[in-house]
PDB file of all heavy atoms in Angstrom:
ATOM      1  N   PHE A   1     -10.638  17.947 -74.341  1.00  0.00           N
ATOM      2  CA  PHE A   1      -9.901  16.840 -73.747  1.00  0.00           C
ATOM      3  C   PHE A   1     -10.590  16.524 -72.433  1.00  0.00           C
ATOM      4  O   PHE A   1     -10.845  17.417 -71.619  1.00  0.00           O
ATOM      5  CB  PHE A   1      -8.422  17.149 -73.477  1.00  0.00           C
ATOM      6  CG  PHE A   1      -7.715  15.964 -72.872  1.00  0.00           C
ATOM      7  CD1 PHE A   1      -7.278  14.937 -73.685  1.00  0.00           C
ATOM      8  CD2 PHE A   1      -7.559  15.847 -71.505  1.00  0.00           C
ATOM      9  CE1 PHE A   1      -6.681  13.809 -73.131  1.00  0.00           C
ATOM     10  CE2 PHE A   1      -6.963  14.734 -70.943  1.00  0.00           C
ATOM     11  CZ  PHE A   1      -6.514  13.715 -71.766  1.00  0.00           C
ATOM     12  N   ALA A   2     -10.923  15.260 -72.235  1.00  0.00           N
ATOM     13  CA  ALA A   2     -11.503  14.787 -70.979  1.00  0.00           C
ATOM     14  C   ALA A   2     -10.573  13.715 -70.436  1.00  0.00           C
ATOM     15  O   ALA A   2     -10.153  12.829 -71.176  1.00  0.00           O
ATOM     16  CB  ALA A   2     -12.891  14.201 -71.214  1.00  0.00           C
ATOM     17  N   GLY A   3     -10.220  13.824 -69.154  1.00  0.00           N
ATOM     18  CA  GLY A   3      -9.291  12.841 -68.620  1.00  0.00           C
ATOM     19  C   GLY A   3      -9.305  12.744 -67.116  1.00  0.00           C
ATOM     20  O   GLY A   3     -10.074  13.427 -66.434  1.00  0.00           O
ATOM     21  N   PHE A   4      -8.408  11.884 -66.606  1.00  0.00           N
ATOM     22  CA  PHE A   4      -8.281  11.687 -65.164  1.00  0.00           C
ATOM     23  C   PHE A   4      -6.819  11.540 -64.775  1.00  0.00           C
ATOM     24  O   PHE A   4      -5.967  11.212 -65.590  1.00  0.00           O
ATOM     25  CB  PHE A   4      -9.088  10.467 -64.693  1.00  0.00           C
ATOM     26  CG  PHE A   4      -8.630   9.150 -65.267  1.00  0.00           C
ATOM     27  CD1 PHE A   4      -7.613   8.418 -64.658  1.00  0.00           C
ATOM     28  CD2 PHE A   4      -9.226   8.624 -66.398  1.00  0.00           C
ATOM     29  CE1 PHE A   4      -7.205   7.197 -65.178  1.00  0.00           C
ATOM     30  CE2 PHE A   4      -8.834   7.410 -66.919  1.00  0.00           C
ATOM     31  CZ  PHE A   4      -7.808   6.698 -66.304  1.00  0.00           C
ATOM     32  N   ALA A   5      -6.553  11.786 -63.496  1.00  0.00           N
ATOM     33  CA  ALA A   5      -5.212  11.641 -62.920  1.00  0.00           C
ATOM     34  C   ALA A   5      -5.382  11.458 -61.417  1.00  0.00           C
ATOM     35  O   ALA A   5      -6.396  11.855 -60.867  1.00  0.00           O
ATOM     36  CB  ALA A   5      -4.359  12.874 -63.223  1.00  0.00           C
ATOM     37  N   PRO A   6      -4.401  10.897 -60.745  1.00  0.00           N
ATOM     38  CA  PRO A   6      -3.253  10.148 -61.238  1.00  0.00           C
ATOM     39  C   PRO A   6      -3.707   8.864 -61.943  1.00  0.00           C
ATOM     40  O   PRO A   6      -4.793   8.359 -61.672  1.00  0.00           O
ATOM     41  CB  PRO A   6      -2.458   9.809 -59.989  1.00  0.00           C
ATOM     42  CG  PRO A   6      -3.068  10.559 -58.857  1.00  0.00           C
ATOM     43  CD  PRO A   6      -4.423  10.981 -59.280  1.00  0.00           C
ATOM     44  N   TYR A   7      -2.867   8.364 -62.789  1.00  0.00           N
ATOM     45  CA  TYR A   7      -3.258   7.198 -63.574  1.00  0.00           C
ATOM     46  C   TYR A   7      -3.458   5.963 -62.697  1.00  0.00           C
ATOM     47  O   TYR A   7      -4.462   5.267 -62.826  1.00  0.00           O
ATOM     48  CB  TYR A   7      -2.233   6.887 -64.663  1.00  0.00           C
ATOM     49  CG  TYR A   7      -2.608   5.620 -65.405  1.00  0.00           C
ATOM     50  CD1 TYR A   7      -3.642   5.634 -66.324  1.00  0.00           C
ATOM     51  CD2 TYR A   7      -1.979   4.420 -65.136  1.00  0.00           C
ATOM     52  CE1 TYR A   7      -4.041   4.478 -66.969  1.00  0.00           C
ATOM     53  CE2 TYR A   7      -2.365   3.254 -65.780  1.00  0.00           C
ATOM     54  CZ  TYR A   7      -3.396   3.284 -66.689  1.00  0.00           C
ATOM     55  OH  TYR A   7      -3.790   2.134 -67.312  1.00  0.00           O
ATOM     56  N   ASP A   8      -2.511   5.658 -61.815  1.00  0.00           N
ATOM     57  CA  ASP A   8      -2.567   4.415 -61.039  1.00  0.00           C
ATOM     58  C   ASP A   8      -3.684   4.384 -60.001  1.00  0.00           C
ATOM     59  O   ASP A   8      -4.170   3.317 -59.648  1.00  0.00           O
ATOM     60  CB  ASP A   8      -1.222   4.155 -60.359  1.00  0.00           C
ATOM     61  CG  ASP A   8      -0.153   3.757 -61.362  1.00  0.00           C
ATOM     62  OD1 ASP A   8      -0.494   3.115 -62.379  1.00  0.00           O
ATOM     63  OD2 ASP A   8       1.025   4.108 -61.141  1.00  0.00           O
ATOM     64  N   ASN A   9      -4.060   5.527 -59.484  1.00  0.00           N
ATOM     65  CA  ASN A   9      -5.109   5.590 -58.473  1.00  0.00           C
ATOM     66  C   ASN A   9      -5.942   6.847 -58.748  1.00  0.00           C
ATOM     67  O   ASN A   9      -5.806   7.852 -58.054  1.00  0.00           O
ATOM     68  CB  ASN A   9      -4.481   5.635 -57.068  1.00  0.00           C
ATOM     69  CG  ASN A   9      -5.514   5.544 -55.975  1.00  0.00           C
ATOM     70  OD1 ASN A   9      -6.649   5.152 -56.198  1.00  0.00           O
ATOM     71  ND2 ASN A   9      -5.114   5.929 -54.774  1.00  0.00           N
ATOM     72  N   PRO A  10      -6.803   6.811 -59.770  1.00  0.00           N
ATOM     73  CA  PRO A  10      -7.515   8.016 -60.194  1.00  0.00           C
ATOM     74  C   PRO A  10      -8.310   8.677 -59.067  1.00  0.00           C
ATOM     75  O   PRO A  10      -9.040   8.013 -58.336  1.00  0.00           O
ATOM     76  CB  PRO A  10      -8.459   7.511 -61.287  1.00  0.00           C
ATOM     77  CG  PRO A  10      -7.836   6.249 -61.782  1.00  0.00           C
ATOM     78  CD  PRO A  10      -7.165   5.644 -60.588  1.00  0.00           C
ATOM     79  N   LYS A  11      -8.124   9.987 -58.929  1.00  0.00           N
ATOM     80  CA  LYS A  11      -8.848  10.771 -57.926  1.00  0.00           C
ATOM     81  C   LYS A  11      -9.528  11.991 -58.522  1.00  0.00           C
ATOM     82  O   LYS A  11     -10.486  12.493 -57.960  1.00  0.00           O
ATOM     83  CB  LYS A  11      -7.892  11.226 -56.821  1.00  0.00           C
ATOM     84  CG  LYS A  11      -7.328  10.105 -55.981  1.00  0.00           C
ATOM     85  CD  LYS A  11      -6.560  10.680 -54.817  1.00  0.00           C
ATOM     86  CE  LYS A  11      -5.871   9.624 -53.999  1.00  0.00           C
ATOM     87  NZ  LYS A  11      -6.718   8.679 -53.351  1.00  0.00           N
ATOM     88  N   TYR A  12      -9.017  12.494 -59.642  1.00  0.00           N
ATOM     89  CA  TYR A  12      -9.505  13.747 -60.200  1.00  0.00           C
ATOM     90  C   TYR A  12      -9.817  13.599 -61.685  1.00  0.00           C
ATOM     91  O   TYR A  12      -9.110  12.903 -62.406  1.00  0.00           O
ATOM     92  CB  TYR A  12      -8.462  14.855 -60.018  1.00  0.00           C
ATOM     93  CG  TYR A  12      -7.973  14.954 -58.603  1.00  0.00           C
ATOM     94  CD1 TYR A  12      -6.722  14.484 -58.241  1.00  0.00           C
ATOM     95  CD2 TYR A  12      -8.795  15.492 -57.608  1.00  0.00           C
ATOM     96  CE1 TYR A  12      -6.282  14.553 -56.929  1.00  0.00           C
ATOM     97  CE2 TYR A  12      -8.370  15.562 -56.300  1.00  0.00           C
ATOM     98  CZ  TYR A  12      -7.103  15.091 -55.962  1.00  0.00           C
ATOM     99  OH  TYR A  12      -6.689  15.155 -54.661  1.00  0.00           O
ATOM    100  N   THR A  13     -10.877  14.255 -62.115  1.00  0.00           N
ATOM    101  CA  THR A  13     -11.232  14.290 -63.532  1.00  0.00           C
ATOM    102  C   THR A  13     -11.439  15.750 -63.943  1.00  0.00           C
ATOM    103  O   THR A  13     -11.764  16.595 -63.107  1.00  0.00           O
ATOM    104  CB  THR A  13     -12.521  13.509 -63.837  1.00  0.00           C
ATOM    105  OG1 THR A  13     -13.607  14.115 -63.141  1.00  0.00           O
ATOM    106  CG2 THR A  13     -12.383  12.053 -63.450  1.00  0.00           C
ATOM    107  N   ALA A  14     -11.248  16.000 -65.220  1.00  0.00           N
ATOM    108  CA  ALA A  14     -11.509  17.334 -65.759  1.00  0.00           C
ATOM    109  C   ALA A  14     -11.856  17.202 -67.232  1.00  0.00           C
ATOM    110  O   ALA A  14     -11.367  16.298 -67.918  1.00  0.00           O
ATOM    111  CB  ALA A  14     -10.300  18.245 -65.591  1.00  0.00           C
ATOM    112  N   VAL A  15     -12.710  18.094 -67.683  1.00  0.00           N
ATOM    113  CA  VAL A  15     -13.048  18.198 -69.100  1.00  0.00           C
ATOM    114  C   VAL A  15     -12.743  19.633 -69.512  1.00  0.00           C
ATOM    115  O   VAL A  15     -13.259  20.571 -68.914  1.00  0.00           O
ATOM    116  CB  VAL A  15     -14.532  17.870 -69.365  1.00  0.00           C
ATOM    117  CG1 VAL A  15     -14.860  18.043 -70.838  1.00  0.00           C
ATOM    118  CG2 VAL A  15     -14.863  16.460 -68.890  1.00  0.00           C
ATOM    119  N   ILE A  16     -11.898  19.770 -70.505  1.00  0.00           N
ATOM    120  CA  ILE A  16     -11.489  21.079 -71.005  1.00  0.00           C
ATOM    121  C   ILE A  16     -12.063  21.260 -72.403  1.00  0.00           C
ATOM    122  O   ILE A  16     -11.891  20.402 -73.261  1.00  0.00           O
ATOM    123  CB  ILE A  16      -9.955  21.202 -71.072  1.00  0.00           C
ATOM    124  CG1 ILE A  16      -9.286  20.765 -69.761  1.00  0.00           C
ATOM    125  CG2 ILE A  16      -9.549  22.601 -71.506  1.00  0.00           C
ATOM    126  CD1 ILE A  16      -9.691  21.543 -68.539  1.00  0.00           C
ATOM    127  N   MET A  17     -12.742  22.385 -72.638  1.00  0.00           N
ATOM    128  CA  MET A  17     -13.271  22.696 -73.962  1.00  0.00           C
ATOM    129  C   MET A  17     -12.708  24.041 -74.399  1.00  0.00           C
ATOM    130  O   MET A  17     -12.716  24.995 -73.624  1.00  0.00           O
ATOM    131  CB  MET A  17     -14.797  22.756 -73.941  1.00  0.00           C
ATOM    132  CG  MET A  17     -15.443  22.804 -75.325  1.00  0.00           C
ATOM    133  SD  MET A  17     -15.663  24.416 -76.055  1.00  0.00           S
ATOM    134  CE  MET A  17     -16.945  25.105 -75.063  1.00  0.00           C
ATOM    135  N   VAL A  18     -12.199  24.094 -75.629  1.00  0.00           N
ATOM    136  CA  VAL A  18     -11.675  25.330 -76.203  1.00  0.00           C
ATOM    137  C   VAL A  18     -12.530  25.677 -77.413  1.00  0.00           C
ATOM    138  O   VAL A  18     -12.619  24.889 -78.358  1.00  0.00           O
ATOM    139  CB  VAL A  18     -10.194  25.177 -76.605  1.00  0.00           C
ATOM    140  CG1 VAL A  18      -9.677  26.449 -77.252  1.00  0.00           C
ATOM    141  CG2 VAL A  18      -9.345  24.796 -75.392  1.00  0.00           C
ATOM    142  N   GLU A  19     -13.170  26.832 -77.366  1.00  0.00           N
ATOM    143  CA  GLU A  19     -13.980  27.280 -78.495  1.00  0.00           C
ATOM    144  C   GLU A  19     -13.078  27.734 -79.635  1.00  0.00           C
ATOM    145  O   GLU A  19     -12.059  28.370 -79.411  1.00  0.00           O
ATOM    146  CB  GLU A  19     -14.882  28.436 -78.083  1.00  0.00           C
ATOM    147  CG  GLU A  19     -15.971  28.035 -77.117  1.00  0.00           C
ATOM    148  CD  GLU A  19     -16.900  29.189 -76.806  1.00  0.00           C
ATOM    149  OE1 GLU A  19     -17.535  29.703 -77.756  1.00  0.00           O
ATOM    150  OE2 GLU A  19     -16.972  29.571 -75.633  1.00  0.00           O
ATOM    151  N   ASP A  20     -13.465  27.396 -80.855  1.00  0.00           N
ATOM    152  CA  ASP A  20     -12.745  27.785 -82.060  1.00  0.00           C
ATOM    153  C   ASP A  20     -11.278  27.369 -81.978  1.00  0.00           C
ATOM    154  O   ASP A  20     -10.373  28.147 -82.265  1.00  0.00           O
ATOM    155  CB  ASP A  20     -12.880  29.300 -82.312  1.00  0.00           C
ATOM    156  CG  ASP A  20     -12.490  29.681 -83.730  1.00  0.00           C
ATOM    157  OD1 ASP A  20     -12.429  28.792 -84.604  1.00  0.00           O
ATOM    158  OD2 ASP A  20     -12.230  30.870 -83.964  1.00  0.00           O
ATOM    159  N   GLY A  21     -11.058  26.120 -81.568  1.00  0.00           N
ATOM    160  CA  GLY A  21      -9.706  25.599 -81.442  1.00  0.00           C
ATOM    161  C   GLY A  21      -9.279  24.825 -82.668  1.00  0.00           C
ATOM    162  O   GLY A  21     -10.025  24.676 -83.636  1.00  0.00           O
ATOM    163  N   VAL A  22      -8.055  24.316 -82.595  1.00  0.00           N
ATOM    164  CA  VAL A  22      -7.484  23.533 -83.692  1.00  0.00           C
ATOM    165  C   VAL A  22      -7.655  22.041 -83.424  1.00  0.00           C
ATOM    166  O   VAL A  22      -8.156  21.304 -84.257  1.00  0.00           O
ATOM    167  CB  VAL A  22      -5.994  23.879 -83.894  1.00  0.00           C
ATOM    168  CG1 VAL A  22      -5.372  23.001 -84.954  1.00  0.00           C
ATOM    169  CG2 VAL A  22      -5.850  25.351 -84.259  1.00  0.00           C
ATOM    170  N   SER A  23      -7.206  21.591 -82.233  1.00  0.00           N
ATOM    171  CA  SER A  23      -7.370  20.181 -81.864  1.00  0.00           C
ATOM    172  C   SER A  23      -7.364  20.055 -80.347  1.00  0.00           C
ATOM    173  O   SER A  23      -6.771  20.875 -79.647  1.00  0.00           O
ATOM    174  CB  SER A  23      -6.261  19.314 -82.468  1.00  0.00           C
ATOM    175  OG  SER A  23      -5.052  19.495 -81.765  1.00  0.00           O
ATOM    176  N   GLY A  24      -8.008  19.001 -79.871  1.00  0.00           N
ATOM    177  CA  GLY A  24      -8.018  18.750 -78.430  1.00  0.00           C
ATOM    178  C   GLY A  24      -6.622  18.494 -77.893  1.00  0.00           C
ATOM    179  O   GLY A  24      -6.292  18.894 -76.784  1.00  0.00           O
ATOM    180  N   GLY A  25      -5.803  17.826 -78.700  1.00  0.00           N
ATOM    181  CA  GLY A  25      -4.446  17.505 -78.271  1.00  0.00           C
ATOM    182  C   GLY A  25      -3.542  18.714 -78.151  1.00  0.00           C
ATOM    183  O   GLY A  25      -2.697  18.779 -77.258  1.00  0.00           O
ATOM    184  N   SER A  26      -3.725  19.688 -79.019  1.00  0.00           N
ATOM    185  CA  SER A  26      -2.835  20.855 -78.984  1.00  0.00           C
ATOM    186  C   SER A  26      -3.386  22.001 -78.148  1.00  0.00           C
ATOM    187  O   SER A  26      -2.617  22.774 -77.578  1.00  0.00           O
ATOM    188  CB  SER A  26      -2.545  21.355 -80.403  1.00  0.00           C
ATOM    189  OG  SER A  26      -3.721  21.848 -81.012  1.00  0.00           O
TER     190      SER A  26
END
């Protein structure tokens, strides 16, 4: 999952990777 926050005035981003996972959403 790659994303940013806060939505209205983005200041921060992060990319999370899970090895041998089921789905990015879960």
